[in-house]
C-alpha atoms as a PDB file:
ATOM      1  CA  MET A   1     -26.101 -31.805 -98.477  1.00  0.00           C
ATOM      2  CA  SER A   2     -22.443 -32.716 -98.844  1.00  0.00           C
ATOM      3  CA  ALA A   3     -19.790 -31.421 -96.469  1.00  0.00           C
ATOM      4  CA  GLU A   4     -18.148 -29.241 -99.099  1.00  0.00           C
ATOM      5  CA  LEU A   5     -21.367 -27.240 -99.419  1.00  0.00           C
ATOM      6  CA  THR A   6     -21.116 -26.081 -95.815  1.00  0.00           C
ATOM      7  CA  PHE A   7     -18.367 -24.290 -93.940  1.00  0.00           C
ATOM      8  CA  SER A   8     -17.868 -22.674 -90.561  1.00  0.00           C
ATOM      9  CA  ASP A   9     -15.035 -21.176 -88.569  1.00  0.00           C
ATOM     10  CA  SER A  10     -14.743 -19.515 -85.170  1.00  0.00           C
ATOM     11  CA  ILE A  11     -12.748 -16.832 -83.410  1.00  0.00           C
ATOM     12  CA  VAL A  12     -12.762 -15.514 -79.843  1.00  0.00           C
ATOM     13  CA  VAL A  13     -13.637 -11.824 -79.598  1.00  0.00           C
ATOM     14  CA  ALA A  14     -12.758  -9.939 -76.426  1.00  0.00           C
ATOM     15  CA  ALA A  15     -16.236  -8.444 -76.013  1.00  0.00           C
ATOM     16  CA  PRO A  16     -19.556  -9.508 -74.467  1.00  0.00           C
ATOM     17  CA  ALA A  17     -21.862 -11.631 -76.655  1.00  0.00           C
ATOM     18  CA  GLU A  18     -24.553  -8.930 -76.744  1.00  0.00           C
ATOM     19  CA  ALA A  19     -22.074  -6.343 -78.042  1.00  0.00           C
ATOM     20  CA  VAL A  20     -20.782  -8.735 -80.708  1.00  0.00           C
ATOM     21  CA  TYR A  21     -24.359  -9.578 -81.683  1.00  0.00           C
ATOM     22  CA  ASP A  22     -25.238  -5.881 -81.986  1.00  0.00           C
ATOM     23  CA  LEU A  23     -22.300  -5.488 -84.360  1.00  0.00           C
ATOM     24  CA  VAL A  24     -22.883  -8.505 -86.631  1.00  0.00           C
ATOM     25  CA  SER A  25     -26.662  -8.054 -86.757  1.00  0.00           C
ATOM     26  CA  ASP A  26     -26.283  -4.486 -88.052  1.00  0.00           C
ATOM     27  CA  VAL A  27     -26.219  -5.472 -91.722  1.00  0.00           C
ATOM     28  CA  THR A  28     -25.582  -1.844 -92.698  1.00  0.00           C
ATOM     29  CA  ARG A  29     -22.028  -2.348 -91.364  1.00  0.00           C
ATOM     30  CA  THR A  30     -21.302  -5.552 -93.341  1.00  0.00           C
ATOM     31  CA  GLY A  31     -19.108  -3.681 -95.815  1.00  0.00           C
ATOM     32  CA  GLU A  32     -16.678  -2.972 -92.964  1.00  0.00           C
ATOM     33  CA  TRP A  33     -15.725  -6.654 -92.644  1.00  0.00           C
ATOM     34  CA  SER A  34     -16.872  -8.642 -95.663  1.00  0.00           C
ATOM     35  CA  PRO A  35     -14.369  -9.242 -98.474  1.00  0.00           C
ATOM     36  CA  VAL A  36     -17.219  -9.449-101.039  1.00  0.00           C
ATOM     37  CA  CYS A  37     -20.328  -7.714 -99.677  1.00  0.00           C
ATOM     38  CA  VAL A  38     -19.543  -3.999 -99.812  1.00  0.00           C
ATOM     39  CA  ALA A  39     -22.905  -2.663 -98.611  1.00  0.00           C
ATOM     40  CA  CYS A  40     -26.244  -3.769 -97.174  1.00  0.00           C
ATOM     41  CA  TRP A  41     -29.443  -1.926 -96.442  1.00  0.00           C
ATOM     42  CA  TRP A  42     -32.673  -2.906 -94.734  1.00  0.00           C
ATOM     43  CA  ASP A  43     -36.060  -2.810 -96.399  1.00  0.00           C
ATOM     44  CA  GLU A  44     -38.146   0.093 -95.155  1.00  0.00           C
ATOM     45  CA  GLY A  45     -39.400  -0.589 -91.644  1.00  0.00           C
ATOM     46  CA  ALA A  46     -37.109  -3.577 -91.029  1.00  0.00           C
ATOM     47  CA  THR A  47     -35.488  -3.828 -87.599  1.00  0.00           C
ATOM     48  CA  GLY A  48     -33.449  -7.020 -87.926  1.00  0.00           C
ATOM     49  CA  ALA A  49     -36.189  -9.318 -86.661  1.00  0.00           C
ATOM     50  CA  VAL A  50     -36.897 -12.773 -88.064  1.00  0.00           C
ATOM     51  CA  GLY A  51     -38.748 -12.323 -91.349  1.00  0.00           C
ATOM     52  CA  ASP A  52     -37.185  -8.945 -92.202  1.00  0.00           C
ATOM     53  CA  TRP A  53     -35.498  -8.508 -95.599  1.00  0.00           C
ATOM     54  CA  PHE A  54     -32.389  -6.632 -96.694  1.00  0.00           C
ATOM     55  CA  THR A  55     -30.372  -6.136 -99.870  1.00  0.00           C
ATOM     56  CA  GLY A  56     -26.646  -6.680-100.182  1.00  0.00           C
ATOM     57  CA  ARG A  57     -24.305  -5.395-102.903  1.00  0.00           C
ATOM     58  CA  ASN A  58     -21.440  -7.744-103.717  1.00  0.00           C
ATOM     59  CA  VAL A  59     -18.325  -6.913-105.714  1.00  0.00           C
ATOM     60  CA  THR A  60     -15.584  -9.158-107.057  1.00  0.00           C
ATOM     61  CA  PRO A  61     -13.051  -8.426-109.804  1.00  0.00           C
ATOM     62  CA  GLU A  62     -15.334 -10.320-112.218  1.00  0.00           C
ATOM     63  CA  ARG A  63     -18.704  -8.771-111.426  1.00  0.00           C
ATOM     64  CA  THR A  64     -21.026  -6.733-109.203  1.00  0.00           C
ATOM     65  CA  TRP A  65     -24.429  -8.036-108.120  1.00  0.00           C
ATOM     66  CA  GLU A  66     -27.111  -7.597-105.493  1.00  0.00           C
ATOM     67  CA  THR A  67     -28.873 -10.224-103.412  1.00  0.00           C
ATOM     68  CA  ARG A  68     -32.027 -10.148-101.325  1.00  0.00           C
ATOM     69  CA  SER A  69     -31.866 -11.901 -97.970  1.00  0.00           C
ATOM     70  CA  GLN A  70     -34.327 -12.691 -95.205  1.00  0.00           C
ATOM     71  CA  VAL A  71     -33.454 -12.859 -91.513  1.00  0.00           C
ATOM     72  CA  VAL A  72     -34.075 -16.428 -90.286  1.00  0.00           C
ATOM     73  CA  ALA A  73     -32.606 -16.172 -86.751  1.00  0.00           C
ATOM     74  CA  ALA A  74     -32.360 -13.137 -84.480  1.00  0.00           C
ATOM     75  CA  ASP A  75     -31.643 -14.077 -80.867  1.00  0.00           C
ATOM     76  CA  ARG A  76     -29.588 -11.281 -79.273  1.00  0.00           C
ATOM     77  CA  GLY A  77     -26.335 -12.557 -77.843  1.00  0.00           C
ATOM     78  CA  ARG A  78     -26.832 -16.032 -79.353  1.00  0.00           C
ATOM     79  CA  GLU A  79     -27.505 -16.147 -83.105  1.00  0.00           C
ATOM     80  CA  PHE A  80     -28.103 -13.970 -86.151  1.00  0.00           C
ATOM     81  CA  ALA A  81     -28.645 -15.606 -89.544  1.00  0.00           C
ATOM     82  CA  TRP A  82     -30.168 -14.953 -92.949  1.00  0.00           C
ATOM     83  CA  ALA A  83     -31.118 -16.869 -96.071  1.00  0.00           C
ATOM     84  CA  VAL A  84     -30.022 -15.435 -99.407  1.00  0.00           C
ATOM     85  CA  GLY A  85     -32.956 -15.371-101.782  1.00  0.00           C
ATOM     86  CA  GLY A  86     -35.059 -16.643 -98.901  1.00  0.00           C
ATOM     87  CA  SER A  87     -33.855 -20.227 -99.447  1.00  0.00           C
ATOM     88  CA  ARG A  88     -30.684 -20.419-101.612  1.00  0.00           C
ATOM     89  CA  ALA A  89     -27.850 -20.129 -99.095  1.00  0.00           C
ATOM     90  CA  ARG A  90     -27.750 -19.668 -95.333  1.00  0.00           C
ATOM     91  CA  TRP A  91     -25.226 -17.417 -93.668  1.00  0.00           C
ATOM     92  CA  GLY A  92     -25.103 -16.810 -89.954  1.00  0.00           C
ATOM     93  CA  TYR A  93     -23.298 -16.119 -86.738  1.00  0.00           C
ATOM     94  CA  THR A  94     -23.598 -17.986 -83.468  1.00  0.00           C
ATOM     95  CA  LEU A  95     -22.209 -16.504 -80.289  1.00  0.00           C
ATOM     96  CA  GLU A  96     -21.104 -18.299 -77.148  1.00  0.00           C
ATOM     97  CA  PRO A  97     -19.741 -16.649 -74.007  1.00  0.00           C
ATOM     98  CA  VAL A  98     -16.278 -18.046 -73.206  1.00  0.00           C
ATOM     99  CA  GLU A  99     -13.400 -17.054 -70.983  1.00  0.00           C
ATOM    100  CA  GLY A 100     -11.990 -13.876 -72.462  1.00  0.00           C
ATOM    101  CA  GLY A 101     -15.132 -12.864 -74.371  1.00  0.00           C
ATOM    102  CA  THR A 102     -17.301 -14.481 -77.015  1.00  0.00           C
ATOM    103  CA  ARG A 103     -16.682 -17.348 -79.403  1.00  0.00           C
ATOM    104  CA  LEU A 104     -18.078 -16.056 -82.686  1.00  0.00           C
ATOM    105  CA  THR A 105     -18.779 -18.719 -85.298  1.00  0.00           C
ATOM    106  CA  GLU A 106     -19.673 -17.812 -88.855  1.00  0.00           C
ATOM    107  CA  SER A 107     -21.344 -20.497 -90.929  1.00  0.00           C
ATOM    108  CA  TRP A 108     -22.341 -20.847 -94.554  1.00  0.00           C
ATOM    109  CA  ALA A 109     -24.359 -23.480 -96.379  1.00  0.00           C
ATOM    110  CA  PHE A 110     -25.494 -23.908 -99.963  1.00  0.00           C
ATOM    111  CA  LEU A 111     -29.134 -24.992 -99.729  1.00  0.00           C
ATOM    112  CA  PRO A 112     -30.990 -27.266-102.188  1.00  0.00           C
ATOM    113  CA  ASP A 113     -32.852 -24.293-103.697  1.00  0.00           C
ATOM    114  CA  GLY A 114     -29.506 -22.598-104.304  1.00  0.00           C
ATOM    115  CA  LEU A 115     -28.179 -25.612-106.157  1.00  0.00           C
ATOM    116  CA  ALA A 116     -31.359 -25.727-108.260  1.00  0.00           C
ATOM    117  CA  PHE A 117     -31.005 -21.992-108.967  1.00  0.00           C
ATOM    118  CA  MET A 118     -27.406 -22.494-110.116  1.00  0.00           C
ATOM    119  CA  ALA A 119     -28.418 -25.358-112.404  1.00  0.00           C
ATOM    120  CA  GLU A 120     -31.207 -23.277-113.932  1.00  0.00           C
ATOM    121  CA  ARG A 121     -29.125 -20.129-114.314  1.00  0.00           C
ATOM    122  CA  TYR A 122     -25.780 -21.586-115.403  1.00  0.00           C
ATOM    123  CA  GLY A 123     -26.680 -24.935-116.990  1.00  0.00           C
ATOM    124  CA  ASP A 124     -23.520 -26.869-117.841  1.00  0.00           C
ATOM    125  CA  ARG A 125     -21.438 -24.305-115.911  1.00  0.00           C
ATOM    126  CA  ALA A 126     -23.429 -24.712-112.671  1.00  0.00           C
ATOM    127  CA  GLN A 127     -20.859 -26.940-110.931  1.00  0.00           C
ATOM    128  CA  GLU A 128     -18.097 -24.464-111.758  1.00  0.00           C
ATOM    129  CA  GLN A 129     -20.203 -21.650-110.258  1.00  0.00           C
ATOM    130  CA  VAL A 130     -20.984 -23.683-107.126  1.00  0.00           C
ATOM    131  CA  GLU A 131     -17.276 -24.453-106.690  1.00  0.00           C
ATOM    132  CA  ALA A 132     -16.360 -20.767-107.096  1.00  0.00           C
ATOM    133  CA  ARG A 133     -18.856 -19.726-104.423  1.00  0.00           C
ATOM    134  CA  THR A 134     -17.704 -22.528-102.145  1.00  0.00           C
ATOM    135  CA  ARG A 135     -14.083 -21.356-102.482  1.00  0.00           C
ATOM    136  CA  ALA A 136     -15.186 -17.778-101.785  1.00  0.00           C
ATOM    137  CA  ALA A 137     -16.916 -18.871 -98.573  1.00  0.00           C
ATOM    138  CA  HIS A 138     -13.925 -20.922 -97.414  1.00  0.00           C
ATOM    139  CA  GLU A 139     -11.613 -17.936 -98.021  1.00  0.00           C
ATOM    140  CA  GLY A 140     -14.009 -15.216 -96.905  1.00  0.00           C
ATOM    141  CA  VAL A 141     -15.238 -16.584 -93.580  1.00  0.00           C
ATOM    142  CA  PRO A 142     -11.841 -16.487 -91.792  1.00  0.00           C
ATOM    143  CA  ALA A 143     -11.124 -13.020 -93.239  1.00  0.00           C
ATOM    144  CA  THR A 144     -14.545 -11.793 -92.126  1.00  0.00           C
ATOM    145  CA  LEU A 145     -14.111 -13.149 -88.599  1.00  0.00           C
ATOM    146  CA  ALA A 146     -10.676 -11.526 -88.253  1.00  0.00           C
ATOM    147  CA  ALA A 147     -12.090  -8.174 -89.385  1.00  0.00           C
ATOM    148  CA  ILE A 148     -15.074  -8.396 -87.004  1.00  0.00           C
ATOM    149  CA  LYS A 149     -12.694  -9.196 -84.140  1.00  0.00           C
ATOM    150  CA  ARG A 150     -10.532  -6.179 -85.021  1.00  0.00           C
ATOM    151  CA  ILE A 151     -13.575  -3.872 -85.156  1.00  0.00           C
ATOM    152  CA  ALA A 152     -15.236  -5.228 -81.999  1.00  0.00           C
ATOM    153  CA  GLU A 153     -12.038  -4.968 -79.963  1.00  0.00           C
ATOM    154  CA  ALA A 154     -11.093  -1.463 -81.175  1.00  0.00           C
END
């Protein structure tokens, strides 16, 4: 996987790691901080444990779409992550206690299955679509982290 297909950024949040984890792992609140994902909801019976699934509704000026994601890491106070489509892209948060609170890192990676999906769905336009999603991640991650910090510290 090439470097441009992954991205991460960090911010220090003046709150304990467990409190920050409880916030970011509540996918029903994602619309409060994400610039693209306006709403998420758990499948019936899901609690946020590894293996649980949820749906996210995404909106950009060009389109609206929904994705299905599966929780792949759920370690309170340390890491919460999910895989879009089960294997297409990985999004997640890692948390590290530091002086003044918690270093929250958000990461994103296009996975091989995601690249194959783009090629199948978009054909000759696949690279353009991959680049658009890569730009969105690079722009969205810092904005998301700033919004989570604002909410967690309020």
